[in-house]
Amino acid sequence: MADEKTLATIASSDPEVLLEVVLCTREAEPPLIELRRLSWGEGVGWFRQQTLRLEAVEAERLLSTLRASRIHWTPRPTPPQTAKVIPFPHRTDQRRDHAQEAGHHIAPAVTEPVSPSTTLQVGSRASGILPAIWPRRSNKREF
């Protein structure tokens, strides 16, 4: 007794053509994969146009070949002709806005070039942020 199970029905670019993948099992015989090309006919409906029967080994080799050669037959996306740039806020602006929302004062950023003779106050820019992230520790030890 033969048993058939449709594994997939694949549409093509032509709305009147389908590809069916069917697993066929028969008693005392190895299973087969059938690839069936179906066509639509007015007044008839769907009918088999072609059938290709594959043994399990053939189906595995076909699958392996299609996977390995996929790069050669799949359409490659074409790069866009014009790139669209979405402006995002500058990262330091986001940090500054977040810190100000939290109630911290942030010193303005240095916009002039720094020369070796310029003296900078260490931590002056981060003084408003650091206490929120790293709380100050007292020198007192608790026992």
C-alpha atoms as a PDB file:
ATOM      1  CA  MET A   1       0.000   0.000   0.000  1.00  0.00           C
ATOM      2  CA  ALA A   2       1.390   3.407  -1.002  1.00  0.00           C
ATOM      3  CA  ASP A   3       1.315   6.370   1.335  1.00  0.00           C
ATOM      4  CA  GLU A   4       1.938   9.974   0.196  1.00  0.00           C
ATOM      5  CA  LYS A   5       2.623  13.024   2.329  1.00  0.00           C
ATOM      6  CA  THR A   6       2.900  16.479   0.740  1.00  0.00           C
ATOM      7  CA  LEU A   7       5.936  18.150   2.335  1.00  0.00           C
ATOM      8  CA  ALA A   8       5.607  21.497   0.560  1.00  0.00           C
ATOM      9  CA  THR A   9       3.717  23.289  -2.171  1.00  0.00           C
ATOM     10  CA  ILE A  10       5.868  25.994  -3.710  1.00  0.00           C
ATOM     11  CA  ALA A  11       4.450  28.852  -5.783  1.00  0.00           C
ATOM     12  CA  SER A  12       6.319  30.014  -8.861  1.00  0.00           C
ATOM     13  CA  SER A  13       6.401  33.396 -10.580  1.00  0.00           C
ATOM     14  CA  ASP A  14       3.597  32.094 -12.834  1.00  0.00           C
ATOM     15  CA  PRO A  15       0.323  31.927 -10.858  1.00  0.00           C
ATOM     16  CA  GLU A  16      -0.775  28.929 -12.929  1.00  0.00           C
ATOM     17  CA  VAL A  17       2.242  26.762 -11.977  1.00  0.00           C
ATOM     18  CA  LEU A  18       3.097  25.079  -8.643  1.00  0.00           C
ATOM     19  CA  LEU A  19       5.830  22.723  -7.473  1.00  0.00           C
ATOM     20  CA  GLU A  20       4.822  20.015  -5.024  1.00  0.00           C
ATOM     21  CA  VAL A  21       7.345  18.125  -2.906  1.00  0.00           C
ATOM     22  CA  VAL A  22       5.860  14.770  -1.859  1.00  0.00           C
ATOM     23  CA  LEU A  23       7.246  11.943   0.296  1.00  0.00           C
ATOM     24  CA  CYS A  24       6.123   8.583  -1.112  1.00  0.00           C
ATOM     25  CA  THR A  25       6.436   5.452   1.006  1.00  0.00           C
ATOM     26  CA  ARG A  26       5.562   1.956  -0.163  1.00  0.00           C
ATOM     27  CA  GLU A  27       5.789  -1.346   1.682  1.00  0.00           C
ATOM     28  CA  ALA A  28       9.071  -3.214   1.156  1.00  0.00           C
ATOM     29  CA  GLU A  29      10.538  -0.311  -0.868  1.00  0.00           C
ATOM     30  CA  PRO A  30      12.732   2.616   0.184  1.00  0.00           C
ATOM     31  CA  PRO A  31      10.978   6.011   0.417  1.00  0.00           C
ATOM     32  CA  LEU A  32      11.042   8.348  -2.587  1.00  0.00           C
ATOM     33  CA  ILE A  33      10.795  12.095  -2.966  1.00  0.00           C
ATOM     34  CA  GLU A  34       8.632  13.228  -5.871  1.00  0.00           C
ATOM     35  CA  LEU A  35       8.926  16.692  -7.345  1.00  0.00           C
ATOM     36  CA  ARG A  36       5.662  17.402  -9.156  1.00  0.00           C
ATOM     37  CA  ARG A  37       5.128  20.371 -11.459  1.00  0.00           C
ATOM     38  CA  LEU A  38       1.423  21.215 -11.415  1.00  0.00           C
ATOM     39  CA  SER A  39      -0.358  23.412 -13.937  1.00  0.00           C
ATOM     40  CA  TRP A  40      -3.765  25.044 -13.806  1.00  0.00           C
ATOM     41  CA  GLY A  41      -6.238  24.353 -16.569  1.00  0.00           C
ATOM     42  CA  GLU A  42      -9.638  26.029 -16.975  1.00  0.00           C
ATOM     43  CA  GLY A  43     -12.334  23.459 -16.440  1.00  0.00           C
ATOM     44  CA  VAL A  44      -9.755  20.875 -15.287  1.00  0.00           C
ATOM     45  CA  GLY A  45      -8.134  22.500 -12.237  1.00  0.00           C
ATOM     46  CA  TRP A  46      -4.646  21.548 -11.081  1.00  0.00           C
ATOM     47  CA  PHE A  47      -3.015  18.632 -12.889  1.00  0.00           C
ATOM     48  CA  ARG A  48       0.469  17.077 -12.969  1.00  0.00           C
ATOM     49  CA  GLN A  49       2.553  18.340 -15.842  1.00  0.00           C
ATOM     50  CA  GLN A  50       5.824  16.600 -14.845  1.00  0.00           C
ATOM     51  CA  THR A  51       6.989  14.252 -12.084  1.00  0.00           C
ATOM     52  CA  LEU A  52      10.583  13.588 -11.027  1.00  0.00           C
ATOM     53  CA  ARG A  53      11.195  10.727  -8.582  1.00  0.00           C
ATOM     54  CA  LEU A  54      14.303  10.886  -6.407  1.00  0.00           C
ATOM     55  CA  GLU A  55      15.727   8.210  -4.123  1.00  0.00           C
ATOM     56  CA  ALA A  56      16.834   9.382  -0.684  1.00  0.00           C
ATOM     57  CA  VAL A  57      20.518   9.499  -1.721  1.00  0.00           C
ATOM     58  CA  GLU A  58      19.685  11.550  -4.820  1.00  0.00           C
ATOM     59  CA  ALA A  59      17.527  13.955  -2.806  1.00  0.00           C
ATOM     60  CA  GLU A  60      20.348  14.455  -0.258  1.00  0.00           C
ATOM     61  CA  ARG A  61      22.899  15.114  -3.012  1.00  0.00           C
ATOM     62  CA  LEU A  62      20.536  17.517  -4.791  1.00  0.00           C
ATOM     63  CA  LEU A  63      19.943  19.393  -1.539  1.00  0.00           C
ATOM     64  CA  SER A  64      23.674  19.557  -0.834  1.00  0.00           C
ATOM     65  CA  THR A  65      24.417  20.773  -4.375  1.00  0.00           C
ATOM     66  CA  LEU A  66      21.739  23.478  -4.220  1.00  0.00           C
ATOM     67  CA  ARG A  67      23.004  24.738  -0.864  1.00  0.00           C
ATOM     68  CA  ALA A  68      26.638  24.814  -2.002  1.00  0.00           C
ATOM     69  CA  SER A  69      25.867  26.594  -5.271  1.00  0.00           C
ATOM     70  CA  ARG A  70      23.266  28.999  -3.894  1.00  0.00           C
ATOM     71  CA  ILE A  71      25.566  32.023  -4.209  1.00  0.00           C
ATOM     72  CA  HIS A  72      25.697  31.496  -7.978  1.00  0.00           C
ATOM     73  CA  TRP A  73      21.954  31.380  -8.683  1.00  0.00           C
ATOM     74  CA  THR A  74      20.283  33.582  -6.076  1.00  0.00           C
ATOM     75  CA  PRO A  75      19.754  37.218  -6.984  1.00  0.00           C
ATOM     76  CA  ARG A  76      22.160  39.564  -5.287  1.00  0.00           C
ATOM     77  CA  PRO A  77      20.748  42.721  -3.784  1.00  0.00           C
ATOM     78  CA  THR A  78      21.790  45.810  -5.675  1.00  0.00           C
ATOM     79  CA  PRO A  79      23.381  48.508  -3.558  1.00  0.00           C
ATOM     80  CA  PRO A  80      21.265  51.637  -3.207  1.00  0.00           C
ATOM     81  CA  GLN A  81      22.145  54.412  -5.620  1.00  0.00           C
ATOM     82  CA  THR A  82      21.884  57.136  -3.017  1.00  0.00           C
ATOM     83  CA  ALA A  83      22.535  56.595   0.635  1.00  0.00           C
ATOM     84  CA  LYS A  84      20.152  58.096   3.112  1.00  0.00           C
ATOM     85  CA  VAL A  85      21.810  59.455   6.225  1.00  0.00           C
ATOM     86  CA  ILE A  86      19.769  59.761   9.364  1.00  0.00           C
ATOM     87  CA  PRO A  87      21.267  62.332  11.730  1.00  0.00           C
ATOM     88  CA  PHE A  88      21.555  61.084  15.289  1.00  0.00           C
ATOM     89  CA  PRO A  89      22.349  63.233  18.307  1.00  0.00           C
ATOM     90  CA  HIS A  90      26.012  63.274  19.190  1.00  0.00           C
ATOM     91  CA  ARG A  91      26.814  60.822  21.956  1.00  0.00           C
ATOM     92  CA  THR A  92      28.225  63.459  24.317  1.00  0.00           C
ATOM     93  CA  ASP A  93      25.014  65.475  23.862  1.00  0.00           C
ATOM     94  CA  GLN A  94      22.994  62.465  24.984  1.00  0.00           C
ATOM     95  CA  ARG A  95      25.167  62.014  28.065  1.00  0.00           C
ATOM     96  CA  ARG A  96      24.968  65.710  28.868  1.00  0.00           C
ATOM     97  CA  ASP A  97      21.172  65.763  28.454  1.00  0.00           C
ATOM     98  CA  HIS A  98      20.783  62.642  30.609  1.00  0.00           C
ATOM     99  CA  ALA A  99      23.030  64.046  33.329  1.00  0.00           C
ATOM    100  CA  GLN A 100      21.198  67.393  33.325  1.00  0.00           C
ATOM    101  CA  GLU A 101      17.856  65.619  33.585  1.00  0.00           C
ATOM    102  CA  ALA A 102      19.237  63.824  36.637  1.00  0.00           C
ATOM    103  CA  GLY A 103      20.113  67.200  38.184  1.00  0.00           C
ATOM    104  CA  HIS A 104      23.879  67.178  37.607  1.00  0.00           C
ATOM    105  CA  HIS A 105      25.852  70.179  36.394  1.00  0.00           C
ATOM    106  CA  ILE A 106      28.176  69.488  33.459  1.00  0.00           C
ATOM    107  CA  ALA A 107      31.004  71.845  32.596  1.00  0.00           C
ATOM    108  CA  PRO A 108      31.062  72.867  28.925  1.00  0.00           C
ATOM    109  CA  ALA A 109      33.337  70.918  26.626  1.00  0.00           C
ATOM    110  CA  VAL A 110      36.720  72.338  25.662  1.00  0.00           C
ATOM    111  CA  THR A 111      36.477  73.506  22.071  1.00  0.00           C
ATOM    112  CA  GLU A 112      39.921  75.024  21.703  1.00  0.00           C
ATOM    113  CA  PRO A 113      42.967  72.936  20.862  1.00  0.00           C
ATOM    114  CA  VAL A 114      44.929  71.929  23.946  1.00  0.00           C
ATOM    115  CA  SER A 115      48.622  72.730  23.905  1.00  0.00           C
ATOM    116  CA  PRO A 116      51.248  71.185  26.184  1.00  0.00           C
ATOM    117  CA  SER A 117      51.386  74.418  28.178  1.00  0.00           C
ATOM    118  CA  THR A 118      47.645  74.417  28.893  1.00  0.00           C
ATOM    119  CA  THR A 119      46.700  73.485  32.432  1.00  0.00           C
ATOM    120  CA  LEU A 120      43.518  71.497  32.792  1.00  0.00           C
ATOM    121  CA  GLN A 121      41.644  70.828  35.982  1.00  0.00           C
ATOM    122  CA  VAL A 122      41.489  67.112  36.432  1.00  0.00           C
ATOM    123  CA  GLY A 123      37.931  65.893  36.740  1.00  0.00           C
ATOM    124  CA  SER A 124      36.376  69.294  36.087  1.00  0.00           C
ATOM    125  CA  ARG A 125      34.235  67.981  33.242  1.00  0.00           C
ATOM    126  CA  ALA A 126      33.198  64.792  34.979  1.00  0.00           C
ATOM    127  CA  SER A 127      32.704  66.277  38.431  1.00  0.00           C
ATOM    128  CA  GLY A 128      28.926  66.337  37.979  1.00  0.00           C
ATOM    129  CA  ILE A 129      28.683  62.771  36.688  1.00  0.00           C
ATOM    130  CA  LEU A 130      31.136  60.781  38.784  1.00  0.00           C
ATOM    131  CA  PRO A 131      29.324  61.121  42.126  1.00  0.00           C
ATOM    132  CA  ALA A 132      26.189  59.620  40.568  1.00  0.00           C
ATOM    133  CA  ILE A 133      28.099  56.645  39.210  1.00  0.00           C
ATOM    134  CA  TRP A 134      30.753  56.188  41.896  1.00  0.00           C
ATOM    135  CA  PRO A 135      29.568  57.446  45.263  1.00  0.00           C
ATOM    136  CA  ARG A 136      32.254  59.056  47.349  1.00  0.00           C
ATOM    137  CA  ARG A 137      33.532  56.875  50.093  1.00  0.00           C
ATOM    138  CA  SER A 138      34.448  58.234  53.431  1.00  0.00           C
ATOM    139  CA  ASN A 139      37.695  57.300  55.108  1.00  0.00           C
ATOM    140  CA  LYS A 140      35.759  56.144  58.164  1.00  0.00           C
ATOM    141  CA  ARG A 141      35.736  52.449  58.749  1.00  0.00           C
ATOM    142  CA  GLU A 142      32.727  50.795  60.210  1.00  0.00           C
ATOM    143  CA  PHE A 143      33.249  47.923  62.606  1.00  0.00           C
END
